[in-house]
ModelCIF file with pLDDT and N, C-alpha, C, O atoms, coordinates in Angstrom:
data_MODEL
#
_entry.id   MODEL 
#
_entity.id                         1 
_entity.type                       polymer 
_entity.pdbx_number_of_molecules   1 
#
_entity_poly.entity_id                      1 
_entity_poly.type                           'polypeptide(L)' 
_entity_poly.nstd_linkage                   no 
_entity_poly.nstd_monomer                   no 
_entity_poly.pdbx_seq_one_letter_code       WLHRRGRLVDVGLSPRVTGPAAAWFGLPFLARVAVVD 
_entity_poly.pdbx_seq_one_letter_code_can   WLHRRGRLVDVGLSPRVTGPAAAWFGLPFLARVAVVD 
_entity_poly.pdbx_strand_id                 A 
#
loop_
_entity_poly_seq.entity_id 
_entity_poly_seq.num 
_entity_poly_seq.mon_id 
_entity_poly_seq.hetero 
1 1  TRP n 
1 2  LEU n 
1 3  HIS n 
1 4  ARG n 
1 5  ARG n 
1 6  GLY n 
1 7  ARG n 
1 8  LEU n 
1 9  VAL n 
1 10 ASP n 
1 11 VAL n 
1 12 GLY n 
1 13 LEU n 
1 14 SER n 
1 15 PRO n 
1 16 ARG n 
1 17 VAL n 
1 18 THR n 
1 19 GLY n 
1 20 PRO n 
1 21 ALA n 
1 22 ALA n 
1 23 ALA n 
1 24 TRP n 
1 25 PHE n 
1 26 GLY n 
1 27 LEU n 
1 28 PRO n 
1 29 PHE n 
1 30 LEU n 
1 31 ALA n 
1 32 ARG n 
1 33 VAL n 
1 34 ALA n 
1 35 VAL n 
1 36 VAL n 
1 37 ASP n 
#
_struct_asym.id          A 
_struct_asym.entity_id   1 
#
loop_
_ma_qa_metric.id 
_ma_qa_metric.mode 
_ma_qa_metric.name 
_ma_qa_metric.software_group_id 
_ma_qa_metric.type 
1 global pLDDT . pLDDT 
2 local  pLDDT . pLDDT 
#
_ma_qa_metric_global.metric_id      1 
_ma_qa_metric_global.metric_value   70.68 
_ma_qa_metric_global.model_id       1 
_ma_qa_metric_global.ordinal_id     1 
#
loop_
_ma_qa_metric_local.label_asym_id 
_ma_qa_metric_local.label_comp_id 
_ma_qa_metric_local.label_seq_id 
_ma_qa_metric_local.metric_id 
_ma_qa_metric_local.metric_value 
_ma_qa_metric_local.model_id 
_ma_qa_metric_local.ordinal_id 
A TRP 1  2 86.00 1 1  
A LEU 2  2 83.00 1 2  
A HIS 3  2 79.00 1 3  
A ARG 4  2 83.00 1 4  
A ARG 5  2 80.00 1 5  
A GLY 6  2 78.00 1 6  
A ARG 7  2 80.00 1 7  
A LEU 8  2 78.00 1 8  
A VAL 9  2 79.00 1 9  
A ASP 10 2 73.00 1 10 
A VAL 11 2 71.00 1 11 
A GLY 12 2 68.00 1 12 
A LEU 13 2 68.00 1 13 
A SER 14 2 64.00 1 14 
A PRO 15 2 69.00 1 15 
A ARG 16 2 69.00 1 16 
A VAL 17 2 66.00 1 17 
A THR 18 2 67.00 1 18 
A GLY 19 2 66.00 1 19 
A PRO 20 2 69.00 1 20 
A ALA 21 2 63.00 1 21 
A ALA 22 2 61.00 1 22 
A ALA 23 2 64.00 1 23 
A TRP 24 2 63.00 1 24 
A PHE 25 2 61.00 1 25 
A GLY 26 2 63.00 1 26 
A LEU 27 2 67.00 1 27 
A PRO 28 2 65.00 1 28 
A PHE 29 2 62.00 1 29 
A LEU 30 2 71.00 1 30 
A ALA 31 2 67.00 1 31 
A ARG 32 2 65.00 1 32 
A VAL 33 2 69.00 1 33 
A ALA 34 2 69.00 1 34 
A VAL 35 2 75.00 1 35 
A VAL 36 2 77.00 1 36 
A ASP 37 2 77.00 1 37 
#
loop_
_atom_site.group_PDB 
_atom_site.id 
_atom_site.type_symbol 
_atom_site.label_atom_id 
_atom_site.label_alt_id 
_atom_site.label_comp_id 
_atom_site.label_asym_id 
_atom_site.label_entity_id 
_atom_site.label_seq_id 
_atom_site.pdbx_PDB_ins_code 
_atom_site.Cartn_x 
_atom_site.Cartn_y 
_atom_site.Cartn_z 
_atom_site.occupancy 
_atom_site.B_iso_or_equiv 
_atom_site.pdbx_formal_charge 
_atom_site.auth_seq_id 
_atom_site.auth_comp_id 
_atom_site.auth_asym_id 
_atom_site.auth_atom_id 
_atom_site.pdbx_PDB_model_num 
ATOM 1   N N  . TRP A 1 1  ? 0.833  -1.206 0.000  1.00 86.00 ? 1  TRP A N  1 
ATOM 2   C CA . TRP A 1 1  ? 0.000  0.000  0.000  1.00 86.00 ? 1  TRP A CA 1 
ATOM 3   C C  . TRP A 1 1  ? 0.868  1.257  0.000  1.00 86.00 ? 1  TRP A C  1 
ATOM 4   O O  . TRP A 1 1  ? 0.586  2.206  -0.730 1.00 86.00 ? 1  TRP A O  1 
ATOM 5   N N  . LEU A 1 2  ? 1.926  1.266  0.818  1.00 83.00 ? 2  LEU A N  1 
ATOM 6   C CA . LEU A 1 2  ? 2.845  2.403  0.823  1.00 83.00 ? 2  LEU A CA 1 
ATOM 7   C C  . LEU A 1 2  ? 3.533  2.551  -0.526 1.00 83.00 ? 2  LEU A C  1 
ATOM 8   O O  . LEU A 1 2  ? 3.787  3.664  -0.986 1.00 83.00 ? 2  LEU A O  1 
ATOM 9   N N  . HIS A 1 3  ? 3.830  1.422  -1.154 1.00 79.00 ? 3  HIS A N  1 
ATOM 10  C CA . HIS A 1 3  ? 4.485  1.481  -2.460 1.00 79.00 ? 3  HIS A CA 1 
ATOM 11  C C  . HIS A 1 3  ? 3.586  2.140  -3.503 1.00 79.00 ? 3  HIS A C  1 
ATOM 12  O O  . HIS A 1 3  ? 4.048  2.948  -4.308 1.00 79.00 ? 3  HIS A O  1 
ATOM 13  N N  . ARG A 1 4  ? 2.329  1.800  -3.484 1.00 83.00 ? 4  ARG A N  1 
ATOM 14  C CA . ARG A 1 4  ? 1.395  2.399  -4.444 1.00 83.00 ? 4  ARG A CA 1 
ATOM 15  C C  . ARG A 1 4  ? 1.216  3.903  -4.196 1.00 83.00 ? 4  ARG A C  1 
ATOM 16  O O  . ARG A 1 4  ? 0.970  4.664  -5.132 1.00 83.00 ? 4  ARG A O  1 
ATOM 17  N N  . ARG A 1 5  ? 1.338  4.316  -2.965 1.00 80.00 ? 5  ARG A N  1 
ATOM 18  C CA . ARG A 1 5  ? 1.190  5.728  -2.631 1.00 80.00 ? 5  ARG A CA 1 
ATOM 19  C C  . ARG A 1 5  ? 2.503  6.496  -2.765 1.00 80.00 ? 5  ARG A C  1 
ATOM 20  O O  . ARG A 1 5  ? 2.542  7.701  -2.515 1.00 80.00 ? 5  ARG A O  1 
ATOM 21  N N  . GLY A 1 6  ? 3.575  5.814  -3.157 1.00 78.00 ? 6  GLY A N  1 
ATOM 22  C CA . GLY A 1 6  ? 4.858  6.484  -3.316 1.00 78.00 ? 6  GLY A CA 1 
ATOM 23  C C  . GLY A 1 6  ? 5.511  6.869  -2.009 1.00 78.00 ? 6  GLY A C  1 
ATOM 24  O O  . GLY A 1 6  ? 6.340  7.779  -1.990 1.00 78.00 ? 6  GLY A O  1 
ATOM 25  N N  . ARG A 1 7  ? 5.168  6.208  -0.909 1.00 80.00 ? 7  ARG A N  1 
ATOM 26  C CA . ARG A 1 7  ? 5.734  6.525  0.413  1.00 80.00 ? 7  ARG A CA 1 
ATOM 27  C C  . ARG A 1 7  ? 6.640  5.407  0.921  1.00 80.00 ? 7  ARG A C  1 
ATOM 28  O O  . ARG A 1 7  ? 6.928  5.333  2.116  1.00 80.00 ? 7  ARG A O  1 
ATOM 29  N N  . LEU A 1 8  ? 7.087  4.543  0.020  1.00 78.00 ? 8  LEU A N  1 
ATOM 30  C CA . LEU A 1 8  ? 7.856  3.391  0.495  1.00 78.00 ? 8  LEU A CA 1 
ATOM 31  C C  . LEU A 1 8  ? 9.278  3.760  0.902  1.00 78.00 ? 8  LEU A C  1 
ATOM 32  O O  . LEU A 1 8  ? 9.858  3.105  1.767  1.00 78.00 ? 8  LEU A O  1 
ATOM 33  N N  . VAL A 1 9  ? 9.844  4.788  0.298  1.00 79.00 ? 9  VAL A N  1 
ATOM 34  C CA . VAL A 1 9  ? 11.226 5.161  0.620  1.00 79.00 ? 9  VAL A CA 1 
ATOM 35  C C  . VAL A 1 9  ? 11.343 5.577  2.078  1.00 79.00 ? 9  VAL A C  1 
ATOM 36  O O  . VAL A 1 9  ? 12.259 5.136  2.774  1.00 79.00 ? 9  VAL A O  1 
ATOM 37  N N  . ASP A 1 10 ? 10.421 6.429  2.556  1.00 73.00 ? 10 ASP A N  1 
ATOM 38  C CA . ASP A 1 10 ? 10.461 6.874  3.958  1.00 73.00 ? 10 ASP A CA 1 
ATOM 39  C C  . ASP A 1 10 ? 9.468  6.118  4.831  1.00 73.00 ? 10 ASP A C  1 
ATOM 40  O O  . ASP A 1 10 ? 9.295  6.448  6.004  1.00 73.00 ? 10 ASP A O  1 
ATOM 41  N N  . VAL A 1 11 ? 8.808  5.093  4.256  1.00 71.00 ? 11 VAL A N  1 
ATOM 42  C CA . VAL A 1 11 ? 7.801  4.268  4.942  1.00 71.00 ? 11 VAL A CA 1 
ATOM 43  C C  . VAL A 1 11 ? 6.801  5.120  5.730  1.00 71.00 ? 11 VAL A C  1 
ATOM 44  O O  . VAL A 1 11 ? 6.335  4.713  6.794  1.00 71.00 ? 11 VAL A O  1 
ATOM 45  N N  . GLY A 1 12 ? 6.483  6.278  5.214  1.00 68.00 ? 12 GLY A N  1 
ATOM 46  C CA . GLY A 1 12 ? 5.482  7.132  5.835  1.00 68.00 ? 12 GLY A CA 1 
ATOM 47  C C  . GLY A 1 12 ? 5.924  7.795  7.110  1.00 68.00 ? 12 GLY A C  1 
ATOM 48  O O  . GLY A 1 12 ? 5.087  8.318  7.846  1.00 68.00 ? 12 GLY A O  1 
ATOM 49  N N  . LEU A 1 13 ? 7.221  7.794  7.406  1.00 68.00 ? 13 LEU A N  1 
ATOM 50  C CA . LEU A 1 13 ? 7.730  8.388  8.646  1.00 68.00 ? 13 LEU A CA 1 
ATOM 51  C C  . LEU A 1 13 ? 8.389  9.727  8.361  1.00 68.00 ? 13 LEU A C  1 
ATOM 52  O O  . LEU A 1 13 ? 8.761  10.034 7.228  1.00 68.00 ? 13 LEU A O  1 
ATOM 53  N N  . SER A 1 14 ? 8.522  10.508 9.408  1.00 64.00 ? 14 SER A N  1 
ATOM 54  C CA . SER A 1 14 ? 9.160  11.813 9.298  1.00 64.00 ? 14 SER A CA 1 
ATOM 55  C C  . SER A 1 14 ? 10.676 11.644 9.146  1.00 64.00 ? 14 SER A C  1 
ATOM 56  O O  . SER A 1 14 ? 11.250 10.694 9.679  1.00 64.00 ? 14 SER A O  1 
ATOM 57  N N  . PRO A 1 15 ? 11.330 12.568 8.415  1.00 69.00 ? 15 PRO A N  1 
ATOM 58  C CA . PRO A 1 15 ? 12.793 12.515 8.325  1.00 69.00 ? 15 PRO A CA 1 
ATOM 59  C C  . PRO A 1 15 ? 13.479 12.585 9.685  1.00 69.00 ? 15 PRO A C  1 
ATOM 60  O O  . PRO A 1 15 ? 14.605 12.111 9.832  1.00 69.00 ? 15 PRO A O  1 
ATOM 61  N N  . ARG A 1 16 ? 12.815 13.167 10.675 1.00 69.00 ? 16 ARG A N  1 
ATOM 62  C CA . ARG A 1 16 ? 13.400 13.211 12.019 1.00 69.00 ? 16 ARG A CA 1 
ATOM 63  C C  . ARG A 1 16 ? 13.541 11.803 12.606 1.00 69.00 ? 16 ARG A C  1 
ATOM 64  O O  . ARG A 1 16 ? 14.374 11.556 13.478 1.00 69.00 ? 16 ARG A O  1 
ATOM 65  N N  . VAL A 1 17 ? 12.715 10.900 12.111 1.00 66.00 ? 17 VAL A N  1 
ATOM 66  C CA . VAL A 1 17 ? 12.785 9.514  12.585 1.00 66.00 ? 17 VAL A CA 1 
ATOM 67  C C  . VAL A 1 17 ? 13.672 8.681  11.681 1.00 66.00 ? 17 VAL A C  1 
ATOM 68  O O  . VAL A 1 17 ? 14.530 7.934  12.153 1.00 66.00 ? 17 VAL A O  1 
ATOM 69  N N  . THR A 1 18 ? 13.461 8.814  10.367 1.00 67.00 ? 18 THR A N  1 
ATOM 70  C CA . THR A 1 18 ? 14.217 7.974  9.441  1.00 67.00 ? 18 THR A CA 1 
ATOM 71  C C  . THR A 1 18 ? 15.700 8.327  9.389  1.00 67.00 ? 18 THR A C  1 
ATOM 72  O O  . THR A 1 18 ? 16.544 7.454  9.188  1.00 67.00 ? 18 THR A O  1 
ATOM 73  N N  . GLY A 1 19 ? 16.017 9.620  9.572  1.00 66.00 ? 19 GLY A N  1 
ATOM 74  C CA . GLY A 1 19 ? 17.421 10.032 9.532  1.00 66.00 ? 19 GLY A CA 1 
ATOM 75  C C  . GLY A 1 19 ? 18.267 9.366  10.606 1.00 66.00 ? 19 GLY A C  1 
ATOM 76  O O  . GLY A 1 19 ? 19.245 8.693  10.284 1.00 66.00 ? 19 GLY A O  1 
ATOM 77  N N  . PRO A 1 20 ? 17.906 9.541  11.900 1.00 69.00 ? 20 PRO A N  1 
ATOM 78  C CA . PRO A 1 20 ? 18.693 8.864  12.946 1.00 69.00 ? 20 PRO A CA 1 
ATOM 79  C C  . PRO A 1 20 ? 18.659 7.341  12.839 1.00 69.00 ? 20 PRO A C  1 
ATOM 80  O O  . PRO A 1 20 ? 19.660 6.677  13.108 1.00 69.00 ? 20 PRO A O  1 
ATOM 81  N N  . ALA A 1 21 ? 17.509 6.784  12.445 1.00 63.00 ? 21 ALA A N  1 
ATOM 82  C CA . ALA A 1 21 ? 17.426 5.329  12.342 1.00 63.00 ? 21 ALA A CA 1 
ATOM 83  C C  . ALA A 1 21 ? 18.344 4.808  11.254 1.00 63.00 ? 21 ALA A C  1 
ATOM 84  O O  . ALA A 1 21 ? 19.042 3.815  11.460 1.00 63.00 ? 21 ALA A O  1 
ATOM 85  N N  . ALA A 1 22 ? 18.359 5.461  10.091 1.00 61.00 ? 22 ALA A N  1 
ATOM 86  C CA . ALA A 1 22 ? 19.225 5.015  9.000  1.00 61.00 ? 22 ALA A CA 1 
ATOM 87  C C  . ALA A 1 22 ? 20.701 5.132  9.363  1.00 61.00 ? 22 ALA A C  1 
ATOM 88  O O  . ALA A 1 22 ? 21.538 4.417  8.812  1.00 61.00 ? 22 ALA A O  1 
ATOM 89  N N  . ALA A 1 23 ? 21.022 6.043  10.297 1.00 64.00 ? 23 ALA A N  1 
ATOM 90  C CA . ALA A 1 23 ? 22.413 6.228  10.728 1.00 64.00 ? 23 ALA A CA 1 
ATOM 91  C C  . ALA A 1 23 ? 22.719 5.470  12.012 1.00 64.00 ? 23 ALA A C  1 
ATOM 92  O O  . ALA A 1 23 ? 23.627 5.848  12.753 1.00 64.00 ? 23 ALA A O  1 
ATOM 93  N N  . TRP A 1 24 ? 21.979 4.417  12.279 1.00 63.00 ? 24 TRP A N  1 
ATOM 94  C CA . TRP A 1 24 ? 22.184 3.576  13.455 1.00 63.00 ? 24 TRP A CA 1 
ATOM 95  C C  . TRP A 1 24 ? 22.049 4.357  14.768 1.00 63.00 ? 24 TRP A C  1 
ATOM 96  O O  . TRP A 1 24 ? 22.803 4.138  15.715 1.00 63.00 ? 24 TRP A O  1 
ATOM 97  N N  . PHE A 1 25 ? 21.084 5.261  14.804 1.00 61.00 ? 25 PHE A N  1 
ATOM 98  C CA . PHE A 1 25 ? 20.712 5.968  16.038 1.00 61.00 ? 25 PHE A CA 1 
ATOM 99  C C  . PHE A 1 25 ? 21.899 6.656  16.705 1.00 61.00 ? 25 PHE A C  1 
ATOM 100 O O  . PHE A 1 25 ? 21.956 6.765  17.930 1.00 61.00 ? 25 PHE A O  1 
ATOM 101 N N  . GLY A 1 26 ? 22.830 7.109  15.905 1.00 63.00 ? 26 GLY A N  1 
ATOM 102 C CA . GLY A 1 26 ? 23.978 7.834  16.438 1.00 63.00 ? 26 GLY A CA 1 
ATOM 103 C C  . GLY A 1 26 ? 25.056 6.961  17.042 1.00 63.00 ? 26 GLY A C  1 
ATOM 104 O O  . GLY A 1 26 ? 25.990 7.482  17.652 1.00 63.00 ? 26 GLY A O  1 
ATOM 105 N N  . LEU A 1 27 ? 24.959 5.646  16.894 1.00 67.00 ? 27 LEU A N  1 
ATOM 106 C CA . LEU A 1 27 ? 26.006 4.769  17.448 1.00 67.00 ? 27 LEU A CA 1 
ATOM 107 C C  . LEU A 1 27 ? 27.385 5.046  16.840 1.00 67.00 ? 27 LEU A C  1 
ATOM 108 O O  . LEU A 1 27 ? 28.369 5.064  17.578 1.00 67.00 ? 27 LEU A O  1 
ATOM 109 N N  . PRO A 1 28 ? 27.493 5.262  15.529 1.00 65.00 ? 28 PRO A N  1 
ATOM 110 C CA . PRO A 1 28 ? 28.826 5.603  15.000 1.00 65.00 ? 28 PRO A CA 1 
ATOM 111 C C  . PRO A 1 28 ? 29.384 6.881  15.615 1.00 65.00 ? 28 PRO A C  1 
ATOM 112 O O  . PRO A 1 28 ? 30.582 6.970  15.887 1.00 65.00 ? 28 PRO A O  1 
ATOM 113 N N  . PHE A 1 29 ? 28.501 7.893  15.840 1.00 62.00 ? 29 PHE A N  1 
ATOM 114 C CA . PHE A 1 29 ? 28.969 9.131  16.469 1.00 62.00 ? 29 PHE A CA 1 
ATOM 115 C C  . PHE A 1 29 ? 29.430 8.867  17.906 1.00 62.00 ? 29 PHE A C  1 
ATOM 116 O O  . PHE A 1 29 ? 30.483 9.340  18.331 1.00 62.00 ? 29 PHE A O  1 
ATOM 117 N N  . LEU A 1 30 ? 28.618 8.099  18.643 1.00 71.00 ? 30 LEU A N  1 
ATOM 118 C CA . LEU A 1 30 ? 29.007 7.776  20.019 1.00 71.00 ? 30 LEU A CA 1 
ATOM 119 C C  . LEU A 1 30 ? 30.304 6.983  20.060 1.00 71.00 ? 30 LEU A C  1 
ATOM 120 O O  . LEU A 1 30 ? 31.151 7.216  20.923 1.00 71.00 ? 30 LEU A O  1 
ATOM 121 N N  . ALA A 1 31 ? 30.463 6.045  19.128 1.00 67.00 ? 31 ALA A N  1 
ATOM 122 C CA . ALA A 1 31 ? 31.708 5.260  19.097 1.00 67.00 ? 31 ALA A CA 1 
ATOM 123 C C  . ALA A 1 31 ? 32.901 6.155  18.814 1.00 67.00 ? 31 ALA A C  1 
ATOM 124 O O  . ALA A 1 31 ? 33.974 5.975  19.389 1.00 67.00 ? 31 ALA A O  1 
ATOM 125 N N  . ARG A 1 32 ? 32.707 7.124  17.918 1.00 65.00 ? 32 ARG A N  1 
ATOM 126 C CA . ARG A 1 32 ? 33.810 8.020  17.613 1.00 65.00 ? 32 ARG A CA 1 
ATOM 127 C C  . ARG A 1 32 ? 34.153 8.895  18.808 1.00 65.00 ? 32 ARG A C  1 
ATOM 128 O O  . ARG A 1 32 ? 35.326 9.103  19.118 1.00 65.00 ? 32 ARG A O  1 
ATOM 129 N N  . VAL A 1 33 ? 33.106 9.417  19.490 1.00 69.00 ? 33 VAL A N  1 
ATOM 130 C CA . VAL A 1 33 ? 33.354 10.314 20.623 1.00 69.00 ? 33 VAL A CA 1 
ATOM 131 C C  . VAL A 1 33 ? 33.885 9.542  21.839 1.00 69.00 ? 33 VAL A C  1 
ATOM 132 O O  . VAL A 1 33 ? 34.784 10.013 22.535 1.00 69.00 ? 33 VAL A O  1 
ATOM 133 N N  . ALA A 1 34 ? 33.322 8.353  22.087 1.00 69.00 ? 34 ALA A N  1 
ATOM 134 C CA . ALA A 1 34 ? 33.686 7.620  23.300 1.00 69.00 ? 34 ALA A CA 1 
ATOM 135 C C  . ALA A 1 34 ? 34.928 6.757  23.135 1.00 69.00 ? 34 ALA A C  1 
ATOM 136 O O  . ALA A 1 34 ? 35.624 6.482  24.112 1.00 69.00 ? 34 ALA A O  1 
ATOM 137 N N  . VAL A 1 35 ? 35.210 6.331  21.920 1.00 75.00 ? 35 VAL A N  1 
ATOM 138 C CA . VAL A 1 35 ? 36.317 5.384  21.736 1.00 75.00 ? 35 VAL A CA 1 
ATOM 139 C C  . VAL A 1 35 ? 37.375 5.932  20.790 1.00 75.00 ? 35 VAL A C  1 
ATOM 140 O O  . VAL A 1 35 ? 38.546 6.047  21.153 1.00 75.00 ? 35 VAL A O  1 
ATOM 141 N N  . VAL A 1 36 ? 36.956 6.270  19.569 1.00 77.00 ? 36 VAL A N  1 
ATOM 142 C CA . VAL A 1 36 ? 37.940 6.598  18.539 1.00 77.00 ? 36 VAL A CA 1 
ATOM 143 C C  . VAL A 1 36 ? 38.700 7.872  18.885 1.00 77.00 ? 36 VAL A C  1 
ATOM 144 O O  . VAL A 1 36 ? 39.931 7.878  18.898 1.00 77.00 ? 36 VAL A O  1 
ATOM 145 N N  . ASP A 1 37 ? 37.966 8.962  19.167 1.00 77.00 ? 37 ASP A N  1 
ATOM 146 C CA . ASP A 1 37 ? 38.649 10.221 19.455 1.00 77.00 ? 37 ASP A CA 1 
ATOM 147 C C  . ASP A 1 37 ? 39.536 10.138 20.699 1.00 77.00 ? 37 ASP A C  1 
ATOM 148 O O  . ASP A 1 37 ? 40.176 11.123 21.067 1.00 77.00 ? 37 ASP A O  1 
#
């Protein structure tokens, strides 16, 4: 149904939700700040 409505890319969610989720909820940032840096 989302595919037919053209909303499959963001699955009908706000970019505020899909952005952090697609980036692993900030885990890479936390790893860089807590470990790498």
